[in-house]
Protein backbone atom coordinates (compact mmCIF):
# COMPACT_ATOMS: atom_id res chain seq x y z
CA UNK A 1 0.00 0.00 0.00
CA UNK A 2 1.38 3.41 -0.99
CA UNK A 3 1.87 6.02 1.70
CA UNK A 4 -0.34 9.08 1.45
CA UNK A 5 1.48 12.39 1.12
CA UNK A 6 1.08 14.84 3.95
CA UNK A 7 -0.89 17.91 2.97
CA UNK A 8 1.02 21.12 3.65
CA UNK A 9 -1.03 23.74 5.48
CA UNK A 10 -2.32 26.58 3.34
CA UNK A 11 -0.68 29.83 4.36
CA UNK A 12 -2.82 32.91 4.71
CA UNK A 13 -0.93 35.98 3.49
CA UNK A 14 -0.95 39.18 5.54
CA UNK A 15 -2.98 41.96 3.92
CA UNK A 16 -2.11 45.64 4.42
CA UNK A 17 -5.19 45.85 6.69
CA UNK A 18 -3.81 42.98 8.82
CA UNK A 19 -0.47 44.77 9.19
CA UNK A 20 -2.19 48.03 10.15
CA UNK A 21 -4.28 46.19 12.74
CA UNK A 22 -1.18 44.47 14.15
CA UNK A 23 0.58 47.83 14.54
CA UNK A 24 -2.45 49.30 16.33
CA UNK A 25 -2.58 46.36 18.74
CA UNK A 26 1.15 46.76 19.35
CA UNK A 27 0.68 50.42 20.34
CA UNK A 28 -2.29 49.51 22.54
CA UNK A 29 -0.19 46.75 24.19
CA UNK A 30 -2.91 44.16 23.57
CA UNK A 31 -1.97 40.64 24.79
CA UNK A 32 -0.83 38.35 21.97
CA UNK A 33 -3.38 35.68 22.88
CA UNK A 34 -6.20 38.19 22.39
CA UNK A 35 -4.79 39.37 19.03
CA UNK A 36 -4.47 35.74 17.89
CA UNK A 37 -8.16 35.09 18.53
CA UNK A 38 -9.24 38.33 16.83
CA UNK A 39 -7.09 37.79 13.73
CA UNK A 40 -7.54 33.99 13.62
CA UNK A 41 -3.80 33.37 13.49
CA UNK A 42 -1.38 31.57 15.76
CA UNK A 43 0.62 33.46 18.38
CA UNK A 44 3.84 32.30 16.73
CA UNK A 45 2.73 33.65 13.36
CA UNK A 46 1.94 37.05 14.88
CA UNK A 47 5.23 37.19 16.77
CA UNK A 48 7.22 36.33 13.63
CA UNK A 49 5.41 39.00 11.59
CA UNK A 50 6.00 41.59 14.33
CA UNK A 51 9.70 40.66 14.35
CA UNK A 52 9.92 41.12 10.56
CA UNK A 53 8.09 44.47 10.79
CA UNK A 54 10.32 45.55 13.66
CA UNK A 55 7.50 46.25 16.10
CA UNK A 56 7.18 45.13 19.72
CA UNK A 57 4.58 42.53 20.56
CA UNK A 58 3.92 40.71 23.79
CA UNK A 59 5.00 41.27 27.37
CA UNK A 60 8.74 41.55 26.81
CA UNK A 61 9.49 44.77 24.98
PDB file of N, CA and C in Angstrom:
ATOM      1  N   UNK A   1       0.834  -1.173   0.000  1.00  0.00           N
ATOM      2  CA  UNK A   1       0.000   0.000   0.000  1.00  0.00           C
ATOM      3  C   UNK A   1       0.890   1.251   0.000  1.00  0.00           C
ATOM      4  N   UNK A   2       0.589   2.179  -0.874  1.00  0.00           N
ATOM      5  CA  UNK A   2       1.378   3.407  -0.985  1.00  0.00           C
ATOM      6  C   UNK A   2       1.043   4.359   0.167  1.00  0.00           C
ATOM      7  N   UNK A   3       2.085   5.052   0.620  1.00  0.00           N
ATOM      8  CA  UNK A   3       1.871   6.023   1.697  1.00  0.00           C
ATOM      9  C   UNK A   3       1.239   7.286   1.126  1.00  0.00           C
ATOM     10  N   UNK A   4       0.307   7.835   1.865  1.00  0.00           N
ATOM     11  CA  UNK A   4      -0.337   9.084   1.446  1.00  0.00           C
ATOM     12  C   UNK A   4       0.584  10.253   1.780  1.00  0.00           C
ATOM     13  N   UNK A   5       0.653  11.211   0.875  1.00  0.00           N
ATOM     14  CA  UNK A   5       1.480  12.392   1.118  1.00  0.00           C
ATOM     15  C   UNK A   5       0.812  13.287   2.139  1.00  0.00           C
ATOM     16  N   UNK A   6       1.624  13.902   2.977  1.00  0.00           N
ATOM     17  CA  UNK A   6       1.085  14.844   3.948  1.00  0.00           C
ATOM     18  C   UNK A   6       0.716  16.131   3.233  1.00  0.00           C
ATOM     19  N   UNK A   7      -0.436  16.656   3.572  1.00  0.00           N
ATOM     20  CA  UNK A   7      -0.887  17.905   2.966  1.00  0.00           C
ATOM     21  C   UNK A   7      -0.248  19.067   3.730  1.00  0.00           C
ATOM     22  N   UNK A   8       0.409  19.964   2.998  1.00  0.00           N
ATOM     23  CA  UNK A   8       1.022  21.115   3.653  1.00  0.00           C
ATOM     24  C   UNK A   8      -0.071  22.136   3.968  1.00  0.00           C
ATOM     25  N   UNK A   9       0.016  22.777   5.126  1.00  0.00           N
ATOM     26  CA  UNK A   9      -1.027  23.736   5.480  1.00  0.00           C
ATOM     27  C   UNK A   9      -1.013  24.954   4.559  1.00  0.00           C
ATOM     28  N   UNK A  10      -2.196  25.408   4.214  1.00  0.00           N
ATOM     29  CA  UNK A  10      -2.321  26.581   3.343  1.00  0.00           C
ATOM     30  C   UNK A  10      -1.957  27.813   4.155  1.00  0.00           C
ATOM     31  N   UNK A  11      -1.098  28.634   3.638  1.00  0.00           N
ATOM     32  CA  UNK A  11      -0.677  29.830   4.357  1.00  0.00           C
ATOM     33  C   UNK A  11      -1.545  31.008   3.944  1.00  0.00           C
ATOM     34  N   UNK A  12      -1.956  31.756   4.939  1.00  0.00           N
ATOM     35  CA  UNK A  12      -2.820  32.913   4.710  1.00  0.00           C
ATOM     36  C   UNK A  12      -1.935  34.158   4.693  1.00  0.00           C
ATOM     37  N   UNK A  13      -1.809  34.806   3.554  1.00  0.00           N
ATOM     38  CA  UNK A  13      -0.930  35.981   3.487  1.00  0.00           C
ATOM     39  C   UNK A  13      -1.475  37.152   4.307  1.00  0.00           C
ATOM     40  N   UNK A  14      -0.564  37.989   4.786  1.00  0.00           N
ATOM     41  CA  UNK A  14      -0.954  39.180   5.539  1.00  0.00           C
ATOM     42  C   UNK A  14      -1.346  40.282   4.559  1.00  0.00           C
ATOM     43  N   UNK A  15      -2.519  40.845   4.746  1.00  0.00           N
ATOM     44  CA  UNK A  15      -2.976  41.957   3.920  1.00  0.00           C
ATOM     45  C   UNK A  15      -2.494  43.259   4.564  1.00  0.00           C
ATOM     46  N   UNK A  16      -2.479  44.347   3.813  1.00  0.00           N
ATOM     47  CA  UNK A  16      -2.108  45.636   4.419  1.00  0.00           C
ATOM     48  C   UNK A  16      -2.996  45.997   5.615  1.00  0.00           C
ATOM     49  N   UNK A  17      -4.270  45.598   5.579  1.00  0.00           N
ATOM     50  CA  UNK A  17      -5.189  45.853   6.690  1.00  0.00           C
ATOM     51  C   UNK A  17      -4.766  45.049   7.930  1.00  0.00           C
ATOM     52  N   UNK A  18      -4.289  43.809   7.715  1.00  0.00           N
ATOM     53  CA  UNK A  18      -3.808  42.978   8.824  1.00  0.00           C
ATOM     54  C   UNK A  18      -2.598  43.623   9.491  1.00  0.00           C
ATOM     55  N   UNK A  19      -1.691  44.140   8.679  1.00  0.00           N
ATOM     56  CA  UNK A  19      -0.474  44.766   9.192  1.00  0.00           C
ATOM     57  C   UNK A  19      -0.820  46.027   9.984  1.00  0.00           C
ATOM     58  N   UNK A  20      -1.758  46.809   9.462  1.00  0.00           N
ATOM     59  CA  UNK A  20      -2.191  48.030  10.149  1.00  0.00           C
ATOM     60  C   UNK A  20      -2.812  47.678  11.502  1.00  0.00           C
ATOM     61  N   UNK A  21      -3.631  46.650  11.516  1.00  0.00           N
ATOM     62  CA  UNK A  21      -4.275  46.190  12.740  1.00  0.00           C
ATOM     63  C   UNK A  21      -3.239  45.710  13.761  1.00  0.00           C
ATOM     64  N   UNK A  22      -2.241  44.979  13.281  1.00  0.00           N
ATOM     65  CA  UNK A  22      -1.180  44.465  14.153  1.00  0.00           C
ATOM     66  C   UNK A  22      -0.403  45.614  14.790  1.00  0.00           C
ATOM     67  N   UNK A  23      -0.127  46.650  14.020  1.00  0.00           N
ATOM     68  CA  UNK A  23       0.581  47.826  14.543  1.00  0.00           C
ATOM     69  C   UNK A  23      -0.254  48.562  15.589  1.00  0.00           C
ATOM     70  N   UNK A  24      -1.563  48.651  15.357  1.00  0.00           N
ATOM     71  CA  UNK A  24      -2.448  49.300  16.325  1.00  0.00           C
ATOM     72  C   UNK A  24      -2.490  48.525  17.634  1.00  0.00           C
ATOM     73  N   UNK A  25      -2.566  47.197  17.536  1.00  0.00           N
ATOM     74  CA  UNK A  25      -2.575  46.355  18.738  1.00  0.00           C
ATOM     75  C   UNK A  25      -1.241  46.461  19.481  1.00  0.00           C
ATOM     76  N   UNK A  26      -0.165  46.621  18.740  1.00  0.00           N
ATOM     77  CA  UNK A  26       1.149  46.764  19.349  1.00  0.00           C
ATOM     78  C   UNK A  26       1.207  48.043  20.180  1.00  0.00           C
ATOM     79  N   UNK A  27       0.699  49.139  19.619  1.00  0.00           N
ATOM     80  CA  UNK A  27       0.679  50.419  20.336  1.00  0.00           C
ATOM     81  C   UNK A  27      -0.223  50.356  21.565  1.00  0.00           C
ATOM     82  N   UNK A  28      -1.337  49.636  21.441  1.00  0.00           N
ATOM     83  CA  UNK A  28      -2.294  49.515  22.544  1.00  0.00           C
ATOM     84  C   UNK A  28      -1.846  48.493  23.592  1.00  0.00           C
ATOM     85  N   UNK A  29      -0.742  47.793  23.308  1.00  0.00           N
ATOM     86  CA  UNK A  29      -0.190  46.749  24.186  1.00  0.00           C
ATOM     87  C   UNK A  29      -1.217  45.653  24.488  1.00  0.00           C
ATOM     88  N   UNK A  30      -1.942  45.250  23.460  1.00  0.00           N
ATOM     89  CA  UNK A  30      -2.913  44.162  23.572  1.00  0.00           C
ATOM     90  C   UNK A  30      -2.171  42.834  23.736  1.00  0.00           C
ATOM     91  N   UNK A  31      -2.624  41.947  24.641  1.00  0.00           N
ATOM     92  CA  UNK A  31      -1.971  40.636  24.789  1.00  0.00           C
ATOM     93  C   UNK A  31      -2.014  39.835  23.486  1.00  0.00           C
ATOM     94  N   UNK A  32      -0.945  39.110  23.232  1.00  0.00           N
ATOM     95  CA  UNK A  32      -0.829  38.353  21.974  1.00  0.00           C
ATOM     96  C   UNK A  32      -1.943  37.318  21.842  1.00  0.00           C
ATOM     97  N   UNK A  33      -2.331  36.692  22.944  1.00  0.00           N
ATOM     98  CA  UNK A  33      -3.384  35.678  22.883  1.00  0.00           C
ATOM     99  C   UNK A  33      -4.703  36.285  22.399  1.00  0.00           C
ATOM    100  N   UNK A  34      -4.979  37.510  22.806  1.00  0.00           N
ATOM    101  CA  UNK A  34      -6.205  38.193  22.391  1.00  0.00           C
ATOM    102  C   UNK A  34      -6.141  38.547  20.901  1.00  0.00           C
ATOM    103  N   UNK A  35      -4.974  39.023  20.450  1.00  0.00           N
ATOM    104  CA  UNK A  35      -4.792  39.372  19.033  1.00  0.00           C
ATOM    105  C   UNK A  35      -4.963  38.118  18.174  1.00  0.00           C
ATOM    106  N   UNK A  36      -4.401  37.004  18.643  1.00  0.00           N
ATOM    107  CA  UNK A  36      -4.471  35.745  17.894  1.00  0.00           C
ATOM    108  C   UNK A  36      -5.922  35.322  17.664  1.00  0.00           C
ATOM    109  N   UNK A  37      -6.749  35.461  18.679  1.00  0.00           N
ATOM    110  CA  UNK A  37      -8.161  35.093  18.532  1.00  0.00           C
ATOM    111  C   UNK A  37      -8.884  36.043  17.588  1.00  0.00           C
ATOM    112  N   UNK A  38      -8.582  37.341  17.692  1.00  0.00           N
ATOM    113  CA  UNK A  38      -9.237  38.330  16.835  1.00  0.00           C
ATOM    114  C   UNK A  38      -8.868  38.156  15.364  1.00  0.00           C
ATOM    115  N   UNK A  39      -7.576  37.892  15.106  1.00  0.00           N
ATOM    116  CA  UNK A  39      -7.090  37.789  13.729  1.00  0.00           C
ATOM    117  C   UNK A  39      -7.136  36.378  13.166  1.00  0.00           C
ATOM    118  N   UNK A  40      -7.490  35.416  14.011  1.00  0.00           N
ATOM    119  CA  UNK A  40      -7.541  33.992  13.624  1.00  0.00           C
ATOM    120  C   UNK A  40      -6.203  33.515  13.066  1.00  0.00           C
ATOM    121  N   UNK A  41      -5.146  33.810  13.829  1.00  0.00           N
ATOM    122  CA  UNK A  41      -3.795  33.369  13.488  1.00  0.00           C
ATOM    123  C   UNK A  41      -3.130  32.856  14.755  1.00  0.00           C
ATOM    124  N   UNK A  42      -2.074  32.083  14.586  1.00  0.00           N
ATOM    125  CA  UNK A  42      -1.380  31.570  15.762  1.00  0.00           C
ATOM    126  C   UNK A  42      -0.522  32.669  16.391  1.00  0.00           C
ATOM    127  N   UNK A  43      -0.223  32.502  17.679  1.00  0.00           N
ATOM    128  CA  UNK A  43       0.620  33.464  18.382  1.00  0.00           C
ATOM    129  C   UNK A  43       2.003  33.520  17.747  1.00  0.00           C
ATOM    130  N   UNK A  44       2.518  32.360  17.361  1.00  0.00           N
ATOM    131  CA  UNK A  44       3.838  32.300  16.729  1.00  0.00           C
ATOM    132  C   UNK A  44       3.884  33.063  15.421  1.00  0.00           C
ATOM    133  N   UNK A  45       2.822  32.943  14.636  1.00  0.00           N
ATOM    134  CA  UNK A  45       2.735  33.652  13.363  1.00  0.00           C
ATOM    135  C   UNK A  45       2.759  35.162  13.583  1.00  0.00           C
ATOM    136  N   UNK A  46       1.997  35.623  14.578  1.00  0.00           N
ATOM    137  CA  UNK A  46       1.942  37.051  14.878  1.00  0.00           C
ATOM    138  C   UNK A  46       3.286  37.564  15.388  1.00  0.00           C
ATOM    139  N   UNK A  47       3.932  36.783  16.238  1.00  0.00           N
ATOM    140  CA  UNK A  47       5.231  37.191  16.774  1.00  0.00           C
ATOM    141  C   UNK A  47       6.282  37.286  15.666  1.00  0.00           C
ATOM    142  N   UNK A  48       6.260  36.327  14.739  1.00  0.00           N
ATOM    143  CA  UNK A  48       7.215  36.334  13.634  1.00  0.00           C
ATOM    144  C   UNK A  48       6.987  37.544  12.729  1.00  0.00           C
ATOM    145  N   UNK A  49       5.721  37.849  12.454  1.00  0.00           N
ATOM    146  CA  UNK A  49       5.412  38.995  11.588  1.00  0.00           C
ATOM    147  C   UNK A  49       5.828  40.294  12.270  1.00  0.00           C
ATOM    148  N   UNK A  50       5.602  40.397  13.573  1.00  0.00           N
ATOM    149  CA  UNK A  50       6.000  41.585  14.326  1.00  0.00           C
ATOM    150  C   UNK A  50       7.523  41.741  14.301  1.00  0.00           C
ATOM    151  N   UNK A  51       8.232  40.638  14.395  1.00  0.00           N
ATOM    152  CA  UNK A  51       9.698  40.658  14.348  1.00  0.00           C
ATOM    153  C   UNK A  51      10.174  41.179  12.992  1.00  0.00           C
ATOM    154  N   UNK A  52       9.560  40.696  11.917  1.00  0.00           N
ATOM    155  CA  UNK A  52       9.916  41.123  10.561  1.00  0.00           C
ATOM    156  C   UNK A  52       9.619  42.612  10.364  1.00  0.00           C
ATOM    157  N   UNK A  53       8.482  43.060  10.918  1.00  0.00           N
ATOM    158  CA  UNK A  53       8.092  44.469  10.791  1.00  0.00           C
ATOM    159  C   UNK A  53       8.897  45.376  11.728  1.00  0.00           C
ATOM    160  N   UNK A  54       9.522  44.770  12.719  1.00  0.00           N
ATOM    161  CA  UNK A  54      10.321  45.551  13.663  1.00  0.00           C
ATOM    162  C   UNK A  54       9.490  46.257  14.717  1.00  0.00           C
ATOM    163  N   UNK A  55       8.338  45.666  15.061  1.00  0.00           N
ATOM    164  CA  UNK A  55       7.503  46.253  16.104  1.00  0.00           C
ATOM    165  C   UNK A  55       7.464  45.326  17.317  1.00  0.00           C
ATOM    166  N   UNK A  56       7.242  45.923  18.489  1.00  0.00           N
ATOM    167  CA  UNK A  56       7.175  45.131  19.717  1.00  0.00           C
ATOM    168  C   UNK A  56       5.817  44.465  19.840  1.00  0.00           C
ATOM    169  N   UNK A  57       5.826  43.256  20.368  1.00  0.00           N
ATOM    170  CA  UNK A  57       4.582  42.533  20.562  1.00  0.00           C
ATOM    171  C   UNK A  57       4.776  41.619  21.758  1.00  0.00           C
ATOM    172  N   UNK A  58       3.823  41.593  22.645  1.00  0.00           N
ATOM    173  CA  UNK A  58       3.924  40.707  23.793  1.00  0.00           C
ATOM    174  C   UNK A  58       4.375  41.426  25.042  1.00  0.00           C
ATOM    175  N   UNK A  59       4.684  40.679  26.070  1.00  0.00           N
ATOM    176  CA  UNK A  59       4.996  41.269  27.375  1.00  0.00           C
ATOM    177  C   UNK A  59       6.452  41.692  27.523  1.00  0.00           C
ATOM    178  N   UNK A  60       7.322  41.177  26.700  1.00  0.00           N
ATOM    179  CA  UNK A  60       8.742  41.551  26.808  1.00  0.00           C
ATOM    180  C   UNK A  60       9.093  42.504  25.681  1.00  0.00           C
ATOM    181  N   UNK A  61       9.180  43.774  26.020  1.00  0.00           N
ATOM    182  CA  UNK A  61       9.493  44.768  24.980  1.00  0.00           C
ATOM    183  C   UNK A  61      10.806  45.403  25.302  1.00  0.00           C
TER     184      UNK A  61
END
